[in-house]
Amino acid sequence: LELYNKFSCHEKIEIIHHHLFVSFYILDFE
């Protein structure tokens, strides 16, 4: 939740439920 809030304040981040875990994706500096 902390990381989601940190990154989603700058761009729309979609959370995906993958059955065994829940995730979201971000881009690094490169």
PDB file of all heavy atoms in Angstrom:
ATOM      1  N   LEU A   1       0.833  -1.204   0.000  1.00  0.00           N
ATOM      2  CA  LEU A   1       0.000   0.000   0.000  1.00  0.00           C
ATOM      3  C   LEU A   1       0.868   1.255   0.000  1.00  0.00           C
ATOM      4  O   LEU A   1       0.587   2.216  -0.732  1.00  0.00           O
ATOM      5  CB  LEU A   1      -0.953  -0.006   1.202  1.00  0.00           C
ATOM      6  CG  LEU A   1      -1.902   1.179   1.300  1.00  0.00           C
ATOM      7  CD1 LEU A   1      -2.837   1.234   0.099  1.00  0.00           C
ATOM      8  CD2 LEU A   1      -2.696   1.111   2.591  1.00  0.00           C
ATOM      9  N   GLU A   2       1.918   1.255   0.804  1.00  0.00           N
ATOM     10  CA  GLU A   2       2.823   2.413   0.868  1.00  0.00           C
ATOM     11  C   GLU A   2       3.437   2.699  -0.509  1.00  0.00           C
ATOM     12  O   GLU A   2       3.462   3.843  -0.964  1.00  0.00           O
ATOM     13  CB  GLU A   2       3.920   2.131   1.900  1.00  0.00           C
ATOM     14  CG  GLU A   2       4.958   3.220   2.014  1.00  0.00           C
ATOM     15  CD  GLU A   2       6.090   2.846   2.974  1.00  0.00           C
ATOM     16  OE1 GLU A   2       5.925   1.916   3.790  1.00  0.00           O
ATOM     17  OE2 GLU A   2       7.140   3.501   2.875  1.00  0.00           O
ATOM     18  N   LEU A   3       3.937   1.660  -1.173  1.00  0.00           N
ATOM     19  CA  LEU A   3       4.555   1.848  -2.485  1.00  0.00           C
ATOM     20  C   LEU A   3       3.521   2.217  -3.542  1.00  0.00           C
ATOM     21  O   LEU A   3       3.772   3.059  -4.407  1.00  0.00           O
ATOM     22  CB  LEU A   3       5.318   0.589  -2.905  1.00  0.00           C
ATOM     23  CG  LEU A   3       6.600   0.326  -2.128  1.00  0.00           C
ATOM     24  CD1 LEU A   3       7.148  -1.060  -2.447  1.00  0.00           C
ATOM     25  CD2 LEU A   3       7.636   1.405  -2.431  1.00  0.00           C
ATOM     26  N   TYR A   4       2.351   1.590  -3.464  1.00  0.00           N
ATOM     27  CA  TYR A   4       1.280   1.940  -4.409  1.00  0.00           C
ATOM     28  C   TYR A   4       0.939   3.425  -4.284  1.00  0.00           C
ATOM     29  O   TYR A   4       0.844   4.141  -5.284  1.00  0.00           O
ATOM     30  CB  TYR A   4       0.040   1.079  -4.158  1.00  0.00           C
ATOM     31  CG  TYR A   4      -1.133   1.517  -4.995  1.00  0.00           C
ATOM     32  CD1 TYR A   4      -1.219   1.163  -6.338  1.00  0.00           C
ATOM     33  CD2 TYR A   4      -2.142   2.307  -4.447  1.00  0.00           C
ATOM     34  CE1 TYR A   4      -2.286   1.589  -7.119  1.00  0.00           C
ATOM     35  CE2 TYR A   4      -3.200   2.744  -5.214  1.00  0.00           C
ATOM     36  CZ  TYR A   4      -3.273   2.380  -6.549  1.00  0.00           C
ATOM     37  OH  TYR A   4      -4.325   2.811  -7.312  1.00  0.00           O
ATOM     38  N   ASN A   5       0.760   3.899  -3.066  1.00  0.00           N
ATOM     39  CA  ASN A   5       0.439   5.317  -2.852  1.00  0.00           C
ATOM     40  C   ASN A   5       1.560   6.225  -3.346  1.00  0.00           C
ATOM     41  O   ASN A   5       1.309   7.277  -3.937  1.00  0.00           O
ATOM     42  CB  ASN A   5       0.138   5.587  -1.374  1.00  0.00           C
ATOM     43  CG  ASN A   5      -1.199   5.020  -0.955  1.00  0.00           C
ATOM     44  OD1 ASN A   5      -2.111   4.868  -1.761  1.00  0.00           O
ATOM     45  ND2 ASN A   5      -1.317   4.674   0.319  1.00  0.00           N
ATOM     46  N   LYS A   6       2.791   5.816  -3.121  1.00  0.00           N
ATOM     47  CA  LYS A   6       3.944   6.606  -3.549  1.00  0.00           C
ATOM     48  C   LYS A   6       3.981   6.772  -5.072  1.00  0.00           C
ATOM     49  O   LYS A   6       4.206   7.870  -5.578  1.00  0.00           O
ATOM     50  CB  LYS A   6       5.228   5.923  -3.067  1.00  0.00           C
ATOM     51  CG  LYS A   6       6.504   6.617  -3.459  1.00  0.00           C
ATOM     52  CD  LYS A   6       7.685   5.847  -2.885  1.00  0.00           C
ATOM     53  CE  LYS A   6       8.994   6.533  -3.164  1.00  0.00           C
ATOM     54  NZ  LYS A   6      10.112   5.829  -2.513  1.00  0.00           N
ATOM     55  N   PHE A   7       3.752   5.691  -5.804  1.00  0.00           N
ATOM     56  CA  PHE A   7       3.848   5.747  -7.259  1.00  0.00           C
ATOM     57  C   PHE A   7       2.556   6.212  -7.922  1.00  0.00           C
ATOM     58  O   PHE A   7       2.589   6.854  -8.974  1.00  0.00           O
ATOM     59  CB  PHE A   7       4.287   4.397  -7.822  1.00  0.00           C
ATOM     60  CG  PHE A   7       5.735   4.114  -7.573  1.00  0.00           C
ATOM     61  CD1 PHE A   7       6.121   3.298  -6.519  1.00  0.00           C
ATOM     62  CD2 PHE A   7       6.718   4.694  -8.357  1.00  0.00           C
ATOM     63  CE1 PHE A   7       7.463   3.047  -6.272  1.00  0.00           C
ATOM     64  CE2 PHE A   7       8.068   4.460  -8.118  1.00  0.00           C
ATOM     65  CZ  PHE A   7       8.440   3.630  -7.067  1.00  0.00           C
ATOM     66  N   SER A   8       1.406   5.917  -7.321  1.00  0.00           N
ATOM     67  CA  SER A   8       0.142   6.282  -7.965  1.00  0.00           C
ATOM     68  C   SER A   8      -0.173   7.772  -7.851  1.00  0.00           C
ATOM     69  O   SER A   8      -1.036   8.270  -8.550  1.00  0.00           O
ATOM     70  CB  SER A   8      -1.018   5.450  -7.413  1.00  0.00           C
ATOM     71  OG  SER A   8      -1.244   5.742  -6.053  1.00  0.00           O
ATOM     72  N   CYS A   9       0.534   8.486  -7.002  1.00  0.00           N
ATOM     73  CA  CYS A   9       0.303   9.933  -6.925  1.00  0.00           C
ATOM     74  C   CYS A   9       0.882  10.645  -8.149  1.00  0.00           C
ATOM     75  O   CYS A   9       0.515  11.774  -8.440  1.00  0.00           O
ATOM     76  CB  CYS A   9       0.839  10.527  -5.626  1.00  0.00           C
ATOM     77  SG  CYS A   9       2.623  10.563  -5.483  1.00  0.00           S
ATOM     78  N   HIS A  10       1.764   9.995  -8.890  1.00  0.00           N
ATOM     79  CA  HIS A  10       2.376  10.585 -10.081  1.00  0.00           C
ATOM     80  C   HIS A  10       1.765  10.063 -11.382  1.00  0.00           C
ATOM     81  O   HIS A  10       1.851  10.721 -12.406  1.00  0.00           O
ATOM     82  CB  HIS A  10       3.882  10.304 -10.102  1.00  0.00           C
ATOM     83  CG  HIS A  10       4.600  10.859  -8.916  1.00  0.00           C
ATOM     84  ND1 HIS A  10       4.748  12.206  -8.698  1.00  0.00           N
ATOM     85  CD2 HIS A  10       5.187  10.244  -7.867  1.00  0.00           C
ATOM     86  CE1 HIS A  10       5.405  12.398  -7.571  1.00  0.00           C
ATOM     87  NE2 HIS A  10       5.681  11.217  -7.032  1.00  0.00           N
ATOM     88  N   GLU A  11       1.198   8.874 -11.346  1.00  0.00           N
ATOM     89  CA  GLU A  11       0.608   8.276 -12.543  1.00  0.00           C
ATOM     90  C   GLU A  11      -0.422   7.238 -12.132  1.00  0.00           C
ATOM     91  O   GLU A  11      -0.422   6.757 -10.997  1.00  0.00           O
ATOM     92  CB  GLU A  11       1.686   7.625 -13.411  1.00  0.00           C
ATOM     93  CG  GLU A  11       2.428   6.496 -12.706  1.00  0.00           C
ATOM     94  CD  GLU A  11       3.532   5.909 -13.556  1.00  0.00           C
ATOM     95  OE1 GLU A  11       3.222   5.210 -14.533  1.00  0.00           O
ATOM     96  OE2 GLU A  11       4.700   6.165 -13.233  1.00  0.00           O
ATOM     97  N   LYS A  12      -1.311   6.896 -13.065  1.00  0.00           N
ATOM     98  CA  LYS A  12      -2.328   5.882 -12.784  1.00  0.00           C
ATOM     99  C   LYS A  12      -1.653   4.513 -12.762  1.00  0.00           C
ATOM    100  O   LYS A  12      -0.996   4.119 -13.713  1.00  0.00           O
ATOM    101  CB  LYS A  12      -3.414   5.912 -13.859  1.00  0.00           C
ATOM    102  CG  LYS A  12      -4.539   4.944 -13.571  1.00  0.00           C
ATOM    103  CD  LYS A  12      -5.630   5.076 -14.609  1.00  0.00           C
ATOM    104  CE  LYS A  12      -6.804   4.183 -14.394  1.00  0.00           C
ATOM    105  NZ  LYS A  12      -6.665   2.940 -13.740  1.00  0.00           N
ATOM    106  N   ILE A  13      -1.794   3.831 -11.658  1.00  0.00           N
ATOM    107  CA  ILE A  13      -1.221   2.495 -11.486  1.00  0.00           C
ATOM    108  C   ILE A  13      -2.374   1.518 -11.319  1.00  0.00           C
ATOM    109  O   ILE A  13      -3.245   1.707 -10.465  1.00  0.00           O
ATOM    110  CB  ILE A  13      -0.313   2.424 -10.230  1.00  0.00           C
ATOM    111  CG1 ILE A  13       0.795   3.460 -10.278  1.00  0.00           C
ATOM    112  CG2 ILE A  13       0.220   1.016 -10.035  1.00  0.00           C
ATOM    113  CD1 ILE A  13       1.922   3.175 -11.196  1.00  0.00           C
ATOM    114  N   GLU A  14      -2.367   0.472 -12.112  1.00  0.00           N
ATOM    115  CA  GLU A  14      -3.414  -0.541 -12.057  1.00  0.00           C
ATOM    116  C   GLU A  14      -2.943  -1.717 -11.214  1.00  0.00           C
ATOM    117  O   GLU A  14      -1.821  -2.206 -11.386  1.00  0.00           O
ATOM    118  CB  GLU A  14      -3.719  -1.001 -13.486  1.00  0.00           C
ATOM    119  CG  GLU A  14      -4.864  -1.941 -13.596  1.00  0.00           C
ATOM    120  CD  GLU A  14      -5.180  -2.261 -15.050  1.00  0.00           C
ATOM    121  OE1 GLU A  14      -4.230  -2.385 -15.861  1.00  0.00           O
ATOM    122  OE2 GLU A  14      -6.365  -2.393 -15.357  1.00  0.00           O
ATOM    123  N   ILE A  15      -3.795  -2.158 -10.299  1.00  0.00           N
ATOM    124  CA  ILE A  15      -3.487  -3.327  -9.468  1.00  0.00           C
ATOM    125  C   ILE A  15      -4.123  -4.554 -10.111  1.00  0.00           C
ATOM    126  O   ILE A  15      -5.292  -4.533 -10.495  1.00  0.00           O
ATOM    127  CB  ILE A  15      -4.001  -3.129  -8.029  1.00  0.00           C
ATOM    128  CG1 ILE A  15      -3.247  -1.967  -7.369  1.00  0.00           C
ATOM    129  CG2 ILE A  15      -3.846  -4.422  -7.228  1.00  0.00           C
ATOM    130  CD1 ILE A  15      -3.710  -1.629  -5.980  1.00  0.00           C
ATOM    131  N   ILE A  16      -3.320  -5.602 -10.233  1.00  0.00           N
ATOM    132  CA  ILE A  16      -3.769  -6.832 -10.884  1.00  0.00           C
ATOM    133  C   ILE A  16      -3.760  -7.977  -9.873  1.00  0.00           C
ATOM    134  O   ILE A  16      -2.785  -8.185  -9.160  1.00  0.00           O
ATOM    135  CB  ILE A  16      -2.829  -7.212 -12.061  1.00  0.00           C
ATOM    136  CG1 ILE A  16      -2.625  -6.047 -13.020  1.00  0.00           C
ATOM    137  CG2 ILE A  16      -3.350  -8.451 -12.786  1.00  0.00           C
ATOM    138  CD1 ILE A  16      -3.841  -5.630 -13.785  1.00  0.00           C
ATOM    139  N   HIS A  17      -4.865  -8.722  -9.834  1.00  0.00           N
ATOM    140  CA  HIS A  17      -4.996  -9.909  -8.982  1.00  0.00           C
ATOM    141  C   HIS A  17      -4.652 -11.121  -9.846  1.00  0.00           C
ATOM    142  O   HIS A  17      -5.333 -11.400 -10.820  1.00  0.00           O
ATOM    143  CB  HIS A  17      -6.435  -9.994  -8.472  1.00  0.00           C
ATOM    144  CG  HIS A  17      -6.621 -10.896  -7.307  1.00  0.00           C
ATOM    145  ND1 HIS A  17      -6.291 -12.229  -7.333  1.00  0.00           N
ATOM    146  CD2 HIS A  17      -7.114 -10.657  -6.075  1.00  0.00           C
ATOM    147  CE1 HIS A  17      -6.580 -12.778  -6.166  1.00  0.00           C
ATOM    148  NE2 HIS A  17      -7.073 -11.826  -5.381  1.00  0.00           N
ATOM    149  N   HIS A  18      -3.573 -11.820  -9.494  1.00  0.00           N
ATOM    150  CA  HIS A  18      -3.075 -12.947 -10.284  1.00  0.00           C
ATOM    151  C   HIS A  18      -3.393 -14.298  -9.638  1.00  0.00           C
ATOM    152  O   HIS A  18      -2.613 -15.235  -9.802  1.00  0.00           O
ATOM    153  CB  HIS A  18      -1.561 -12.843 -10.454  1.00  0.00           C
ATOM    154  CG  HIS A  18      -1.093 -11.679 -11.241  1.00  0.00           C
ATOM    155  ND1 HIS A  18      -1.152 -11.615 -12.610  1.00  0.00           N
ATOM    156  CD2 HIS A  18      -0.545 -10.505 -10.843  1.00  0.00           C
ATOM    157  CE1 HIS A  18      -0.643 -10.478 -13.036  1.00  0.00           C
ATOM    158  NE2 HIS A  18      -0.272  -9.781 -11.980  1.00  0.00           N
ATOM    159  N   HIS A  19      -4.452 -14.399  -8.884  1.00  0.00           N
ATOM    160  CA  HIS A  19      -4.876 -15.637  -8.217  1.00  0.00           C
ATOM    161  C   HIS A  19      -4.012 -15.979  -7.000  1.00  0.00           C
ATOM    162  O   HIS A  19      -4.544 -16.145  -5.924  1.00  0.00           O
ATOM    163  CB  HIS A  19      -4.916 -16.831  -9.174  1.00  0.00           C
ATOM    164  CG  HIS A  19      -5.807 -16.634 -10.354  1.00  0.00           C
ATOM    165  ND1 HIS A  19      -7.171 -16.723 -10.275  1.00  0.00           N
ATOM    166  CD2 HIS A  19      -5.524 -16.304 -11.634  1.00  0.00           C
ATOM    167  CE1 HIS A  19      -7.695 -16.479 -11.454  1.00  0.00           C
ATOM    168  NE2 HIS A  19      -6.713 -16.217 -12.300  1.00  0.00           N
ATOM    169  N   LEU A  20      -2.689 -16.095  -7.176  1.00  0.00           N
ATOM    170  CA  LEU A  20      -1.807 -16.464  -6.064  1.00  0.00           C
ATOM    171  C   LEU A  20      -1.177 -15.258  -5.391  1.00  0.00           C
ATOM    172  O   LEU A  20      -0.608 -15.374  -4.315  1.00  0.00           O
ATOM    173  CB  LEU A  20      -0.685 -17.380  -6.554  1.00  0.00           C
ATOM    174  CG  LEU A  20      -1.120 -18.725  -7.118  1.00  0.00           C
ATOM    175  CD1 LEU A  20       0.097 -19.481  -7.644  1.00  0.00           C
ATOM    176  CD2 LEU A  20      -1.846 -19.548  -6.070  1.00  0.00           C
ATOM    177  N   PHE A  21      -1.238 -14.104  -6.031  1.00  0.00           N
ATOM    178  CA  PHE A  21      -0.676 -12.875  -5.489  1.00  0.00           C
ATOM    179  C   PHE A  21      -1.333 -11.685  -6.173  1.00  0.00           C
ATOM    180  O   PHE A  21      -2.053 -11.836  -7.155  1.00  0.00           O
ATOM    181  CB  PHE A  21       0.855 -12.828  -5.657  1.00  0.00           C
ATOM    182  CG  PHE A  21       1.321 -12.975  -7.080  1.00  0.00           C
ATOM    183  CD1 PHE A  21       1.519 -11.857  -7.881  1.00  0.00           C
ATOM    184  CD2 PHE A  21       1.554 -14.229  -7.611  1.00  0.00           C
ATOM    185  CE1 PHE A  21       1.936 -11.993  -9.191  1.00  0.00           C
ATOM    186  CE2 PHE A  21       1.975 -14.375  -8.921  1.00  0.00           C
ATOM    187  CZ  PHE A  21       2.163 -13.248  -9.716  1.00  0.00           C
ATOM    188  N   VAL A  22      -1.098 -10.508  -5.622  1.00  0.00           N
ATOM    189  CA  VAL A  22      -1.623  -9.254  -6.160  1.00  0.00           C
ATOM    190  C   VAL A  22      -0.424  -8.372  -6.481  1.00  0.00           C
ATOM    191  O   VAL A  22       0.542  -8.332  -5.714  1.00  0.00           O
ATOM    192  CB  VAL A  22      -2.561  -8.568  -5.136  1.00  0.00           C
ATOM    193  CG1 VAL A  22      -3.061  -7.232  -5.647  1.00  0.00           C
ATOM    194  CG2 VAL A  22      -3.730  -9.493  -4.784  1.00  0.00           C
ATOM    195  N   SER A  23      -0.474  -7.670  -7.626  1.00  0.00           N
ATOM    196  CA  SER A  23       0.691  -6.879  -8.009  1.00  0.00           C
ATOM    197  C   SER A  23       0.331  -5.601  -8.761  1.00  0.00           C
ATOM    198  O   SER A  23      -0.814  -5.425  -9.191  1.00  0.00           O
ATOM    199  CB  SER A  23       1.633  -7.722  -8.867  1.00  0.00           C
ATOM    200  OG  SER A  23       1.023  -8.080 -10.085  1.00  0.00           O
ATOM    201  N   PHE A  24       1.315  -4.723  -8.887  1.00  0.00           N
ATOM    202  CA  PHE A  24       1.243  -3.583  -9.798  1.00  0.00           C
ATOM    203  C   PHE A  24       2.621  -3.411 -10.413  1.00  0.00           C
ATOM    204  O   PHE A  24       3.607  -3.990  -9.949  1.00  0.00           O
ATOM    205  CB  PHE A  24       0.746  -2.306  -9.105  1.00  0.00           C
ATOM    206  CG  PHE A  24       1.644  -1.738  -8.045  1.00  0.00           C
ATOM    207  CD1 PHE A  24       2.659  -0.836  -8.372  1.00  0.00           C
ATOM    208  CD2 PHE A  24       1.470  -2.082  -6.713  1.00  0.00           C
ATOM    209  CE1 PHE A  24       3.472  -0.305  -7.389  1.00  0.00           C
ATOM    210  CE2 PHE A  24       2.280  -1.551  -5.726  1.00  0.00           C
ATOM    211  CZ  PHE A  24       3.288  -0.656  -6.069  1.00  0.00           C
ATOM    212  N   TYR A  25       2.659  -2.653 -11.496  1.00  0.00           N
ATOM    213  CA  TYR A  25       3.885  -2.516 -12.268  1.00  0.00           C
ATOM    214  C   TYR A  25       4.290  -1.051 -12.368  1.00  0.00           C
ATOM    215  O   TYR A  25       3.439  -0.170 -12.521  1.00  0.00           O
ATOM    216  CB  TYR A  25       3.695  -3.100 -13.680  1.00  0.00           C
ATOM    217  CG  TYR A  25       3.333  -4.557 -13.630  1.00  0.00           C
ATOM    218  CD1 TYR A  25       2.002  -4.964 -13.495  1.00  0.00           C
ATOM    219  CD2 TYR A  25       4.310  -5.542 -13.683  1.00  0.00           C
ATOM    220  CE1 TYR A  25       1.661  -6.298 -13.425  1.00  0.00           C
ATOM    221  CE2 TYR A  25       3.981  -6.887 -13.609  1.00  0.00           C
ATOM    222  CZ  TYR A  25       2.649  -7.257 -13.491  1.00  0.00           C
ATOM    223  OH  TYR A  25       2.321  -8.587 -13.407  1.00  0.00           O
ATOM    224  N   ILE A  26       5.591  -0.816 -12.277  1.00  0.00           N
ATOM    225  CA  ILE A  26       6.145   0.529 -12.395  1.00  0.00           C
ATOM    226  C   ILE A  26       7.349   0.458 -13.340  1.00  0.00           C
ATOM    227  O   ILE A  26       7.813  -0.637 -13.685  1.00  0.00           O
ATOM    228  CB  ILE A  26       6.578   1.093 -11.024  1.00  0.00           C
ATOM    229  CG1 ILE A  26       7.582   0.152 -10.345  1.00  0.00           C
ATOM    230  CG2 ILE A  26       5.365   1.343 -10.136  1.00  0.00           C
ATOM    231  CD1 ILE A  26       8.174   0.673  -9.046  1.00  0.00           C
ATOM    232  N   LEU A  27       7.853   1.625 -13.735  1.00  0.00           N
ATOM    233  CA  LEU A  27       9.052   1.689 -14.562  1.00  0.00           C
ATOM    234  C   LEU A  27      10.184   2.277 -13.751  1.00  0.00           C
ATOM    235  O   LEU A  27       9.978   3.225 -12.985  1.00  0.00           O
ATOM    236  CB  LEU A  27       8.810   2.558 -15.800  1.00  0.00           C
ATOM    237  CG  LEU A  27       7.714   2.097 -16.750  1.00  0.00           C
ATOM    238  CD1 LEU A  27       7.556   3.098 -17.899  1.00  0.00           C
ATOM    239  CD2 LEU A  27       7.983   0.704 -17.288  1.00  0.00           C
ATOM    240  N   ASP A  28      11.384   1.726 -13.931  1.00  0.00           N
ATOM    241  CA  ASP A  28      12.533   2.321 -13.268  1.00  0.00           C
ATOM    242  C   ASP A  28      13.036   3.523 -14.076  1.00  0.00           C
ATOM    243  O   ASP A  28      12.438   3.888 -15.096  1.00  0.00           O
ATOM    244  CB  ASP A  28      13.634   1.284 -13.009  1.00  0.00           C
ATOM    245  CG  ASP A  28      14.356   0.790 -14.265  1.00  0.00           C
ATOM    246  OD1 ASP A  28      14.186   1.386 -15.356  1.00  0.00           O
ATOM    247  OD2 ASP A  28      15.105  -0.196 -14.152  1.00  0.00           O
ATOM    248  N   PHE A  29      14.101   4.117 -13.646  1.00  0.00           N
ATOM    249  CA  PHE A  29      14.661   5.316 -14.261  1.00  0.00           C
ATOM    250  C   PHE A  29      14.974   5.122 -15.746  1.00  0.00           C
ATOM    251  O   PHE A  29      14.855   6.046 -16.543  1.00  0.00           O
ATOM    252  CB  PHE A  29      15.921   5.738 -13.498  1.00  0.00           C
ATOM    253  CG  PHE A  29      16.589   6.952 -14.048  1.00  0.00           C
ATOM    254  CD1 PHE A  29      16.062   8.216 -13.829  1.00  0.00           C
ATOM    255  CD2 PHE A  29      17.741   6.836 -14.812  1.00  0.00           C
ATOM    256  CE1 PHE A  29      16.671   9.345 -14.344  1.00  0.00           C
ATOM    257  CE2 PHE A  29      18.367   7.956 -15.326  1.00  0.00           C
ATOM    258  CZ  PHE A  29      17.829   9.214 -15.090  1.00  0.00           C
ATOM    259  N   GLU A  30      15.382   3.906 -16.124  1.00  0.00           N
ATOM    260  CA  GLU A  30      15.734   3.613 -17.516  1.00  0.00           C
ATOM    261  C   GLU A  30      14.541   3.128 -18.339  1.00  0.00           C
ATOM    262  O   GLU A  30      14.678   2.831 -19.517  1.00  0.00           O
ATOM    263  CB  GLU A  30      16.835   2.544 -17.559  1.00  0.00           C
ATOM    264  CG  GLU A  30      18.160   3.006 -17.013  1.00  0.00           C
ATOM    265  CD  GLU A  30      18.870   3.977 -17.948  1.00  0.00           C
ATOM    266  OE1 GLU A  30      18.703   3.867 -19.171  1.00  0.00           O
ATOM    267  OE2 GLU A  30      19.588   4.845 -17.424  1.00  0.00           O
TER     268      GLU A  30
END
